[in-house]
Amino acid sequence: MQIPAWFSTQLAVESDGRLRVRWSEKTHRFQVESRSGRAIIPSRPISPLDDEAIRARDGFNLVLEVTPGDHTDCPKCGEEVRLIPRRIGDIRCPRCSASFRACFFPLSEDLLLYLRYSDPDRGGIERVFRDADLETERLEARMRRERHNRTEDIWKDDWNKVVGIPSVGYAGRRPALPAGR
């Protein structure tokens, strides 16, 4: 599978050469890798199917894998599973109920933006934690509002009972009963 030249160039420029993208013959996915050390000259031939050995030889670590489409195989049973586009999340296999983290990012500006955002050398870890904290605060505020609204609904619906006002409906005039009954 060919990697777009503009993407490789832009990735190298934006990461100062620390990141690269490589096609994996074993997993049939693009692998974004980060430089972690010096390249090691192997004393034995390395199989193109051994991604770990290739990364060790070149001095890189895996950052993430990108599928070429919006479906992937379940790591447990092999069932084809649809991925969430442009958002990393938990995917549940409909067949075996296995859960795994995955996402579909096309090799595009969106992936470059995600890598820029989460880059640990440029404050990405702090940004990710800050955004997670903000999301948690928003969730807690929404839950407080929902509890308040439910309480207010109950209070308003049962106002007559709360303050002791009898609730009597008007049924109109009742017809007189016939004599003898």
N, C-alpha and C. Protein backbone atom coordinates (compact mmCIF):
# COMPACT_ATOMS: atom_id res chain seq x y z
N MET A 1 0.87 -1.17 0.00
CA MET A 1 0.00 0.00 0.00
C MET A 1 0.91 1.23 0.00
N GLN A 2 0.57 2.18 -0.79
CA GLN A 2 1.38 3.39 -0.91
C GLN A 2 0.94 4.45 0.11
N ILE A 3 1.91 5.11 0.70
CA ILE A 3 1.65 6.21 1.63
C ILE A 3 1.75 7.49 0.82
N PRO A 4 0.76 8.37 0.92
CA PRO A 4 0.84 9.61 0.17
C PRO A 4 2.11 10.39 0.52
N ALA A 5 2.84 10.83 -0.50
CA ALA A 5 4.12 11.52 -0.28
C ALA A 5 3.92 12.81 0.51
N TRP A 6 2.83 13.53 0.24
CA TRP A 6 2.59 14.79 0.95
C TRP A 6 2.40 14.53 2.44
N PHE A 7 1.75 13.39 2.77
CA PHE A 7 1.49 13.07 4.17
C PHE A 7 2.80 12.75 4.90
N SER A 8 3.64 11.91 4.29
CA SER A 8 4.94 11.57 4.90
C SER A 8 5.79 12.82 5.11
N THR A 9 5.82 13.67 4.10
CA THR A 9 6.62 14.91 4.19
C THR A 9 6.09 15.81 5.29
N GLN A 10 4.78 16.02 5.32
CA GLN A 10 4.17 16.91 6.33
C GLN A 10 4.36 16.35 7.74
N LEU A 11 4.23 15.03 7.88
CA LEU A 11 4.42 14.40 9.18
C LEU A 11 5.85 14.59 9.67
N ALA A 12 6.82 14.40 8.78
CA ALA A 12 8.23 14.58 9.15
C ALA A 12 8.53 16.04 9.51
N VAL A 13 7.95 16.97 8.76
CA VAL A 13 8.19 18.40 9.03
C VAL A 13 7.58 18.81 10.37
N GLU A 14 6.35 18.41 10.60
CA GLU A 14 5.66 18.83 11.82
C GLU A 14 6.23 18.18 13.08
N SER A 15 6.83 17.01 12.95
CA SER A 15 7.36 16.32 14.13
C SER A 15 8.87 16.43 14.23
N ASP A 16 9.48 17.25 13.40
CA ASP A 16 10.93 17.41 13.38
C ASP A 16 11.63 16.06 13.15
N GLY A 17 11.05 15.20 12.34
CA GLY A 17 11.63 13.92 12.01
C GLY A 17 11.46 12.84 13.06
N ARG A 18 10.71 13.12 14.13
CA ARG A 18 10.52 12.12 15.19
C ARG A 18 9.49 11.07 14.83
N LEU A 19 8.55 11.40 13.93
CA LEU A 19 7.50 10.47 13.55
C LEU A 19 7.66 10.03 12.10
N ARG A 20 7.25 8.81 11.84
CA ARG A 20 7.20 8.29 10.48
C ARG A 20 5.96 7.43 10.34
N VAL A 21 5.56 7.18 9.11
CA VAL A 21 4.45 6.28 8.83
C VAL A 21 4.98 5.18 7.92
N ARG A 22 4.55 3.94 8.22
CA ARG A 22 5.06 2.78 7.50
C ARG A 22 3.91 1.80 7.30
N TRP A 23 3.86 1.14 6.14
CA TRP A 23 2.86 0.12 5.88
C TRP A 23 3.34 -1.20 6.47
N SER A 24 2.47 -1.87 7.24
CA SER A 24 2.80 -3.16 7.84
C SER A 24 2.25 -4.28 6.98
N GLU A 25 3.14 -5.13 6.51
CA GLU A 25 2.71 -6.29 5.71
C GLU A 25 1.99 -7.31 6.58
N LYS A 26 2.29 -7.33 7.87
CA LYS A 26 1.68 -8.31 8.77
C LYS A 26 0.23 -7.95 9.10
N THR A 27 0.00 -6.70 9.53
CA THR A 27 -1.34 -6.30 9.97
C THR A 27 -2.16 -5.65 8.87
N HIS A 28 -1.52 -5.31 7.75
CA HIS A 28 -2.17 -4.61 6.64
C HIS A 28 -2.78 -3.29 7.11
N ARG A 29 -1.97 -2.57 7.89
CA ARG A 29 -2.36 -1.26 8.40
C ARG A 29 -1.16 -0.32 8.31
N PHE A 30 -1.46 0.98 8.28
CA PHE A 30 -0.40 1.97 8.37
C PHE A 30 0.00 2.06 9.83
N GLN A 31 1.28 2.16 10.10
CA GLN A 31 1.76 2.28 11.46
C GLN A 31 2.51 3.61 11.60
N VAL A 32 2.02 4.45 12.51
CA VAL A 32 2.71 5.69 12.84
C VAL A 32 3.65 5.36 13.97
N GLU A 33 4.93 5.68 13.77
CA GLU A 33 5.96 5.30 14.73
C GLU A 33 6.76 6.51 15.16
N SER A 34 7.28 6.45 16.38
CA SER A 34 8.04 7.54 16.97
C SER A 34 9.48 7.09 17.20
N ARG A 35 10.42 7.97 16.85
CA ARG A 35 11.83 7.64 17.07
C ARG A 35 12.10 7.59 18.57
N SER A 36 12.73 6.48 19.00
CA SER A 36 13.00 6.31 20.43
C SER A 36 14.47 6.09 20.72
N GLY A 37 15.24 5.82 19.73
CA GLY A 37 16.66 5.58 19.97
C GLY A 37 17.41 5.48 18.67
N ARG A 38 18.60 4.97 18.74
CA ARG A 38 19.41 4.82 17.54
C ARG A 38 19.05 3.54 16.80
N ALA A 39 19.25 3.58 15.52
CA ALA A 39 19.01 2.39 14.71
C ALA A 39 20.04 1.33 15.05
N ILE A 40 19.61 0.10 15.03
CA ILE A 40 20.49 -1.03 15.34
C ILE A 40 20.72 -1.80 14.04
N ILE A 41 21.97 -2.06 13.73
CA ILE A 41 22.26 -2.84 12.53
C ILE A 41 22.09 -4.31 12.87
N PRO A 42 21.13 -4.98 12.19
CA PRO A 42 20.85 -6.37 12.56
C PRO A 42 21.97 -7.31 12.09
N SER A 43 22.18 -8.36 12.86
CA SER A 43 23.17 -9.37 12.49
C SER A 43 22.51 -10.50 11.71
N ARG A 44 21.21 -10.46 11.63
CA ARG A 44 20.47 -11.48 10.90
C ARG A 44 19.43 -10.78 10.02
N PRO A 45 18.97 -11.44 9.00
CA PRO A 45 17.93 -10.84 8.16
C PRO A 45 16.62 -10.73 8.94
N ILE A 46 15.88 -9.67 8.66
CA ILE A 46 14.60 -9.44 9.35
C ILE A 46 13.47 -9.63 8.36
N SER A 47 12.47 -10.38 8.79
CA SER A 47 11.30 -10.62 7.95
C SER A 47 10.48 -9.34 7.82
N PRO A 48 9.93 -9.07 6.63
CA PRO A 48 9.06 -7.90 6.48
C PRO A 48 7.74 -8.04 7.24
N LEU A 49 7.48 -9.24 7.79
CA LEU A 49 6.27 -9.46 8.58
C LEU A 49 6.51 -9.23 10.07
N ASP A 50 7.74 -9.00 10.48
CA ASP A 50 8.07 -8.82 11.90
C ASP A 50 8.18 -7.32 12.21
N ASP A 51 7.04 -6.72 12.56
CA ASP A 51 7.00 -5.27 12.81
C ASP A 51 7.87 -4.87 14.00
N GLU A 52 7.86 -5.68 15.05
CA GLU A 52 8.67 -5.36 16.24
C GLU A 52 10.16 -5.33 15.89
N ALA A 53 10.61 -6.29 15.11
CA ALA A 53 12.02 -6.34 14.73
C ALA A 53 12.39 -5.16 13.83
N ILE A 54 11.49 -4.78 12.94
CA ILE A 54 11.75 -3.63 12.06
C ILE A 54 11.86 -2.37 12.89
N ARG A 55 10.95 -2.19 13.86
CA ARG A 55 11.01 -1.00 14.71
C ARG A 55 12.27 -1.01 15.57
N ALA A 56 12.65 -2.16 16.10
CA ALA A 56 13.87 -2.25 16.92
C ALA A 56 15.10 -1.94 16.07
N ARG A 57 15.12 -2.47 14.86
CA ARG A 57 16.25 -2.23 13.97
C ARG A 57 16.40 -0.73 13.65
N ASP A 58 15.27 -0.05 13.42
CA ASP A 58 15.30 1.36 13.02
C ASP A 58 15.30 2.32 14.20
N GLY A 59 15.02 1.82 15.43
CA GLY A 59 14.99 2.68 16.61
C GLY A 59 13.68 3.44 16.77
N PHE A 60 12.55 2.77 16.52
CA PHE A 60 11.24 3.41 16.61
C PHE A 60 10.32 2.61 17.53
N ASN A 61 9.29 3.28 18.05
CA ASN A 61 8.21 2.66 18.83
C ASN A 61 6.89 2.93 18.14
N LEU A 62 5.94 2.03 18.30
CA LEU A 62 4.62 2.19 17.70
C LEU A 62 3.83 3.25 18.45
N VAL A 63 3.24 4.19 17.72
CA VAL A 63 2.36 5.20 18.30
C VAL A 63 0.91 4.78 18.09
N LEU A 64 0.54 4.50 16.85
CA LEU A 64 -0.80 4.02 16.56
C LEU A 64 -0.83 3.36 15.19
N GLU A 65 -1.84 2.52 15.00
CA GLU A 65 -2.07 1.88 13.71
C GLU A 65 -3.30 2.51 13.07
N VAL A 66 -3.24 2.69 11.76
CA VAL A 66 -4.34 3.29 11.02
C VAL A 66 -4.80 2.31 9.96
N THR A 67 -6.08 1.96 10.01
CA THR A 67 -6.62 1.04 9.00
C THR A 67 -6.84 1.80 7.70
N PRO A 68 -6.70 1.13 6.57
CA PRO A 68 -6.93 1.82 5.30
C PRO A 68 -8.41 2.06 5.00
N GLY A 69 -9.30 1.51 5.79
CA GLY A 69 -10.74 1.70 5.61
C GLY A 69 -11.42 1.86 6.95
N ASP A 70 -12.74 2.00 6.94
CA ASP A 70 -13.46 2.23 8.19
C ASP A 70 -13.98 0.94 8.83
N HIS A 71 -13.40 -0.20 8.45
CA HIS A 71 -13.70 -1.49 9.07
C HIS A 71 -12.40 -2.17 9.45
N THR A 72 -12.45 -2.99 10.48
CA THR A 72 -11.29 -3.78 10.87
C THR A 72 -11.77 -5.12 11.39
N ASP A 73 -10.85 -6.03 11.58
CA ASP A 73 -11.20 -7.35 12.11
C ASP A 73 -11.09 -7.35 13.62
N CYS A 74 -12.03 -8.03 14.28
CA CYS A 74 -11.99 -8.19 15.73
C CYS A 74 -10.73 -8.99 16.08
N PRO A 75 -9.95 -8.52 17.08
CA PRO A 75 -8.74 -9.25 17.43
C PRO A 75 -9.01 -10.62 18.05
N LYS A 76 -10.24 -10.85 18.52
CA LYS A 76 -10.54 -12.13 19.18
C LYS A 76 -11.12 -13.15 18.20
N CYS A 77 -12.14 -12.75 17.43
CA CYS A 77 -12.82 -13.73 16.58
C CYS A 77 -12.64 -13.49 15.09
N GLY A 78 -12.14 -12.31 14.69
CA GLY A 78 -11.91 -12.04 13.28
C GLY A 78 -13.10 -11.45 12.55
N GLU A 79 -14.21 -11.23 13.24
CA GLU A 79 -15.40 -10.64 12.64
C GLU A 79 -15.09 -9.21 12.20
N GLU A 80 -15.64 -8.80 11.06
CA GLU A 80 -15.43 -7.43 10.58
C GLU A 80 -16.27 -6.46 11.43
N VAL A 81 -15.62 -5.41 11.94
CA VAL A 81 -16.26 -4.46 12.84
C VAL A 81 -16.10 -3.06 12.26
N ARG A 82 -17.16 -2.27 12.32
CA ARG A 82 -17.12 -0.89 11.84
C ARG A 82 -16.45 0.00 12.89
N LEU A 83 -15.59 0.92 12.43
CA LEU A 83 -14.85 1.80 13.32
C LEU A 83 -15.51 3.17 13.42
N ILE A 84 -15.22 3.85 14.53
CA ILE A 84 -15.71 5.21 14.74
C ILE A 84 -14.78 6.16 13.98
N PRO A 85 -15.28 6.94 13.04
CA PRO A 85 -14.39 7.83 12.29
C PRO A 85 -13.89 9.00 13.14
N ARG A 86 -12.60 9.25 13.07
CA ARG A 86 -11.93 10.42 13.65
C ARG A 86 -12.08 10.56 15.16
N ARG A 87 -12.32 9.46 15.86
CA ARG A 87 -12.40 9.52 17.32
C ARG A 87 -12.00 8.16 17.87
N ILE A 88 -10.99 8.15 18.72
CA ILE A 88 -10.55 6.89 19.31
C ILE A 88 -11.53 6.52 20.41
N GLY A 89 -12.02 5.30 20.38
CA GLY A 89 -12.98 4.87 21.39
C GLY A 89 -13.02 3.37 21.50
N ASP A 90 -13.84 2.89 22.43
CA ASP A 90 -13.99 1.46 22.64
C ASP A 90 -14.97 0.90 21.61
N ILE A 91 -14.55 -0.15 20.95
CA ILE A 91 -15.37 -0.82 19.94
C ILE A 91 -15.75 -2.18 20.51
N ARG A 92 -17.02 -2.56 20.36
CA ARG A 92 -17.48 -3.87 20.85
C ARG A 92 -17.86 -4.71 19.64
N CYS A 93 -17.29 -5.90 19.59
CA CYS A 93 -17.59 -6.83 18.50
C CYS A 93 -19.02 -7.36 18.66
N PRO A 94 -19.84 -7.29 17.62
CA PRO A 94 -21.21 -7.77 17.74
C PRO A 94 -21.30 -9.29 17.86
N ARG A 95 -20.27 -10.00 17.42
CA ARG A 95 -20.31 -11.45 17.43
C ARG A 95 -19.86 -12.04 18.77
N CYS A 96 -18.67 -11.61 19.26
CA CYS A 96 -18.11 -12.24 20.47
C CYS A 96 -18.10 -11.29 21.67
N SER A 97 -18.56 -10.05 21.49
CA SER A 97 -18.63 -9.03 22.55
C SER A 97 -17.27 -8.62 23.09
N ALA A 98 -16.20 -8.90 22.35
CA ALA A 98 -14.87 -8.44 22.77
C ALA A 98 -14.82 -6.92 22.62
N SER A 99 -14.13 -6.28 23.53
CA SER A 99 -14.00 -4.83 23.49
C SER A 99 -12.54 -4.47 23.25
N PHE A 100 -12.32 -3.51 22.34
CA PHE A 100 -10.96 -3.05 22.05
C PHE A 100 -11.02 -1.61 21.60
N ARG A 101 -9.89 -0.91 21.75
CA ARG A 101 -9.82 0.50 21.38
C ARG A 101 -9.34 0.62 19.94
N ALA A 102 -10.07 1.40 19.14
CA ALA A 102 -9.70 1.57 17.75
C ALA A 102 -10.37 2.83 17.21
N CYS A 103 -9.95 3.21 16.02
CA CYS A 103 -10.50 4.38 15.37
C CYS A 103 -10.11 4.34 13.90
N PHE A 104 -10.86 5.02 13.07
CA PHE A 104 -10.51 5.17 11.66
C PHE A 104 -10.11 6.62 11.42
N PHE A 105 -8.84 6.81 11.12
CA PHE A 105 -8.32 8.11 10.71
C PHE A 105 -7.78 7.95 9.30
N PRO A 106 -8.34 8.61 8.32
CA PRO A 106 -7.70 8.55 7.00
C PRO A 106 -6.36 9.30 7.07
N LEU A 107 -5.42 8.93 6.21
CA LEU A 107 -4.14 9.65 6.16
C LEU A 107 -4.43 11.02 5.56
N SER A 108 -4.78 11.95 6.42
CA SER A 108 -5.20 13.27 5.98
C SER A 108 -4.80 14.30 7.01
N GLU A 109 -5.25 15.51 6.80
CA GLU A 109 -4.97 16.62 7.71
C GLU A 109 -5.54 16.34 9.10
N ASP A 110 -6.65 15.59 9.18
CA ASP A 110 -7.24 15.25 10.48
C ASP A 110 -6.29 14.44 11.35
N LEU A 111 -5.60 13.46 10.74
CA LEU A 111 -4.64 12.66 11.49
C LEU A 111 -3.45 13.51 11.92
N LEU A 112 -2.98 14.38 11.05
CA LEU A 112 -1.88 15.28 11.42
C LEU A 112 -2.30 16.19 12.58
N LEU A 113 -3.53 16.68 12.54
CA LEU A 113 -4.04 17.53 13.62
C LEU A 113 -4.10 16.75 14.93
N TYR A 114 -4.57 15.49 14.89
CA TYR A 114 -4.62 14.67 16.09
C TYR A 114 -3.22 14.42 16.65
N LEU A 115 -2.28 14.09 15.78
CA LEU A 115 -0.90 13.84 16.23
C LEU A 115 -0.27 15.11 16.81
N ARG A 116 -0.57 16.25 16.21
CA ARG A 116 -0.08 17.54 16.72
C ARG A 116 -0.67 17.81 18.10
N TYR A 117 -1.96 17.56 18.25
CA TYR A 117 -2.68 17.82 19.50
C TYR A 117 -2.15 16.96 20.65
N SER A 118 -1.86 15.68 20.35
CA SER A 118 -1.48 14.76 21.42
C SER A 118 0.03 14.57 21.54
N ASP A 119 0.82 15.35 20.85
CA ASP A 119 2.28 15.20 20.87
C ASP A 119 2.81 15.48 22.28
N PRO A 120 3.40 14.49 22.97
CA PRO A 120 3.87 14.68 24.34
C PRO A 120 5.03 15.67 24.45
N ASP A 121 5.79 15.85 23.37
CA ASP A 121 6.91 16.79 23.41
C ASP A 121 6.45 18.24 23.27
N ARG A 122 5.20 18.44 22.93
CA ARG A 122 4.67 19.79 22.76
C ARG A 122 3.46 20.03 23.66
N GLY A 123 3.46 19.43 24.84
CA GLY A 123 2.39 19.66 25.81
C GLY A 123 1.13 18.86 25.58
N GLY A 124 1.19 17.81 24.77
CA GLY A 124 0.00 17.04 24.44
C GLY A 124 -0.60 16.31 25.62
N ILE A 125 0.24 15.79 26.51
CA ILE A 125 -0.28 15.05 27.67
C ILE A 125 -1.09 15.98 28.56
N GLU A 126 -0.55 17.17 28.82
CA GLU A 126 -1.28 18.14 29.65
C GLU A 126 -2.59 18.53 28.99
N ARG A 127 -2.57 18.73 27.64
CA ARG A 127 -3.79 19.09 26.92
C ARG A 127 -4.83 17.99 27.03
N VAL A 128 -4.41 16.75 26.85
CA VAL A 128 -5.34 15.63 26.91
C VAL A 128 -5.96 15.52 28.30
N PHE A 129 -5.13 15.64 29.36
CA PHE A 129 -5.67 15.57 30.72
C PHE A 129 -6.59 16.76 31.02
N ARG A 130 -6.21 17.95 30.57
CA ARG A 130 -7.04 19.14 30.80
C ARG A 130 -8.40 18.97 30.12
N ASP A 131 -8.39 18.50 28.88
CA ASP A 131 -9.65 18.30 28.17
C ASP A 131 -10.49 17.21 28.81
N ALA A 132 -9.84 16.15 29.31
CA ALA A 132 -10.59 15.09 30.01
C ALA A 132 -11.21 15.65 31.28
N ASP A 133 -10.47 16.50 32.02
CA ASP A 133 -11.02 17.12 33.23
C ASP A 133 -12.20 18.02 32.89
N LEU A 134 -12.09 18.80 31.81
CA LEU A 134 -13.19 19.67 31.40
C LEU A 134 -14.42 18.85 31.02
N GLU A 135 -14.20 17.75 30.33
CA GLU A 135 -15.32 16.89 29.95
C GLU A 135 -15.98 16.28 31.18
N THR A 136 -15.18 15.90 32.18
CA THR A 136 -15.72 15.36 33.42
C THR A 136 -16.54 16.42 34.15
N GLU A 137 -16.03 17.66 34.20
CA GLU A 137 -16.78 18.74 34.84
C GLU A 137 -18.09 19.00 34.11
N ARG A 138 -18.07 18.98 32.78
CA ARG A 138 -19.31 19.18 32.01
C ARG A 138 -20.31 18.07 32.30
N LEU A 139 -19.84 16.84 32.38
CA LEU A 139 -20.71 15.71 32.66
C LEU A 139 -21.33 15.84 34.05
N GLU A 140 -20.50 16.20 35.05
CA GLU A 140 -21.02 16.37 36.41
C GLU A 140 -22.03 17.51 36.48
N ALA A 141 -21.77 18.62 35.78
CA ALA A 141 -22.72 19.75 35.77
C ALA A 141 -24.03 19.32 35.11
N ARG A 142 -23.95 18.55 34.02
CA ARG A 142 -25.17 18.09 33.35
C ARG A 142 -25.97 17.17 34.28
N MET A 143 -25.28 16.30 35.01
CA MET A 143 -25.97 15.40 35.94
C MET A 143 -26.61 16.19 37.08
N ARG A 144 -25.94 17.24 37.59
CA ARG A 144 -26.53 18.09 38.63
C ARG A 144 -27.78 18.79 38.11
N ARG A 145 -27.70 19.32 36.86
CA ARG A 145 -28.87 19.99 36.26
C ARG A 145 -30.03 19.01 36.11
N GLU A 146 -29.74 17.80 35.66
CA GLU A 146 -30.81 16.81 35.49
C GLU A 146 -31.46 16.45 36.82
N ARG A 147 -30.64 16.28 37.88
CA ARG A 147 -31.20 15.99 39.21
C ARG A 147 -32.06 17.16 39.69
N HIS A 148 -31.57 18.37 39.50
CA HIS A 148 -32.33 19.57 39.91
C HIS A 148 -33.65 19.64 39.15
N ASN A 149 -33.60 19.40 37.83
CA ASN A 149 -34.82 19.47 37.03
C ASN A 149 -35.82 18.38 37.44
N ARG A 150 -35.33 17.17 37.70
CA ARG A 150 -36.24 16.10 38.15
C ARG A 150 -36.88 16.46 39.49
N THR A 151 -36.07 16.99 40.41
CA THR A 151 -36.60 17.39 41.72
C THR A 151 -37.64 18.49 41.56
N GLU A 152 -37.34 19.47 40.71
CA GLU A 152 -38.28 20.56 40.49
C GLU A 152 -39.57 20.06 39.83
N ASP A 153 -39.46 19.13 38.90
CA ASP A 153 -40.66 18.56 38.26
C ASP A 153 -41.53 17.85 39.28
N ILE A 154 -40.93 17.06 40.15
CA ILE A 154 -41.70 16.35 41.19
C ILE A 154 -42.36 17.36 42.11
N TRP A 155 -41.63 18.36 42.54
CA TRP A 155 -42.13 19.37 43.46
C TRP A 155 -43.31 20.12 42.84
N LYS A 156 -43.17 20.52 41.56
CA LYS A 156 -44.25 21.28 40.91
C LYS A 156 -45.47 20.39 40.63
N ASP A 157 -45.23 19.14 40.24
CA ASP A 157 -46.36 18.24 39.96
C ASP A 157 -47.15 17.94 41.23
N ASP A 158 -46.49 17.84 42.36
CA ASP A 158 -47.15 17.48 43.61
C ASP A 158 -47.30 18.68 44.56
N TRP A 159 -47.38 19.88 44.04
CA TRP A 159 -47.48 21.09 44.85
C TRP A 159 -48.68 21.04 45.78
N ASN A 160 -49.83 20.62 45.27
CA ASN A 160 -51.04 20.57 46.09
C ASN A 160 -50.86 19.64 47.28
N LYS A 161 -50.20 18.51 47.08
CA LYS A 161 -49.96 17.58 48.17
C LYS A 161 -48.96 18.14 49.17
N VAL A 162 -47.96 18.85 48.67
CA VAL A 162 -46.90 19.39 49.53
C VAL A 162 -47.48 20.42 50.50
N VAL A 163 -48.33 21.31 50.00
CA VAL A 163 -48.87 22.38 50.86
C VAL A 163 -50.23 22.02 51.46
N GLY A 164 -50.74 20.86 51.17
CA GLY A 164 -51.97 20.40 51.82
C GLY A 164 -53.25 20.92 51.19
N ILE A 165 -53.26 21.26 49.94
CA ILE A 165 -54.47 21.72 49.26
C ILE A 165 -55.20 20.49 48.74
N PRO A 166 -56.44 20.33 49.18
CA PRO A 166 -57.16 19.15 48.70
C PRO A 166 -57.42 19.26 47.20
N SER A 167 -57.31 18.18 46.56
CA SER A 167 -57.51 18.15 45.11
C SER A 167 -58.85 17.50 44.85
N VAL A 168 -59.84 18.34 44.50
CA VAL A 168 -61.19 17.84 44.25
C VAL A 168 -61.59 18.32 42.88
N GLY A 169 -62.09 17.43 42.12
CA GLY A 169 -62.56 17.81 40.79
C GLY A 169 -64.06 18.06 40.81
N TYR A 170 -64.54 18.82 39.91
CA TYR A 170 -65.96 19.11 39.79
C TYR A 170 -66.54 18.19 38.75
N ALA A 171 -67.52 17.41 39.16
CA ALA A 171 -68.12 16.45 38.24
C ALA A 171 -69.46 16.94 37.71
N GLY A 172 -69.87 18.11 38.13
CA GLY A 172 -71.17 18.62 37.66
C GLY A 172 -72.30 18.12 38.55
N ARG A 173 -73.51 18.48 38.20
CA ARG A 173 -74.67 18.07 38.96
C ARG A 173 -74.97 16.61 38.78
N ARG A 174 -75.29 15.99 39.88
CA ARG A 174 -75.63 14.57 39.78
C ARG A 174 -77.16 14.48 39.65
N PRO A 175 -77.56 13.57 38.80
CA PRO A 175 -79.02 13.41 38.68
C PRO A 175 -79.60 12.80 39.96
N ALA A 176 -80.77 13.20 40.24
CA ALA A 176 -81.43 12.67 41.44
C ALA A 176 -81.73 11.19 41.25
N LEU A 177 -81.60 10.48 42.34
CA LEU A 177 -81.89 9.04 42.26
C LEU A 177 -83.39 8.83 42.25
N PRO A 178 -83.86 7.86 41.52
CA PRO A 178 -85.32 7.58 41.51
C PRO A 178 -85.79 7.16 42.89
N ALA A 179 -87.00 7.48 43.19
CA ALA A 179 -87.56 7.13 44.48
C ALA A 179 -87.72 5.64 44.58
N GLY A 180 -87.51 5.11 45.66
CA GLY A 180 -87.62 3.69 45.87
C GLY A 180 -86.27 2.99 45.87
N ARG A 181 -85.35 3.71 45.67
CA ARG A 181 -84.02 3.07 45.72
C ARG A 181 -83.29 3.51 46.91
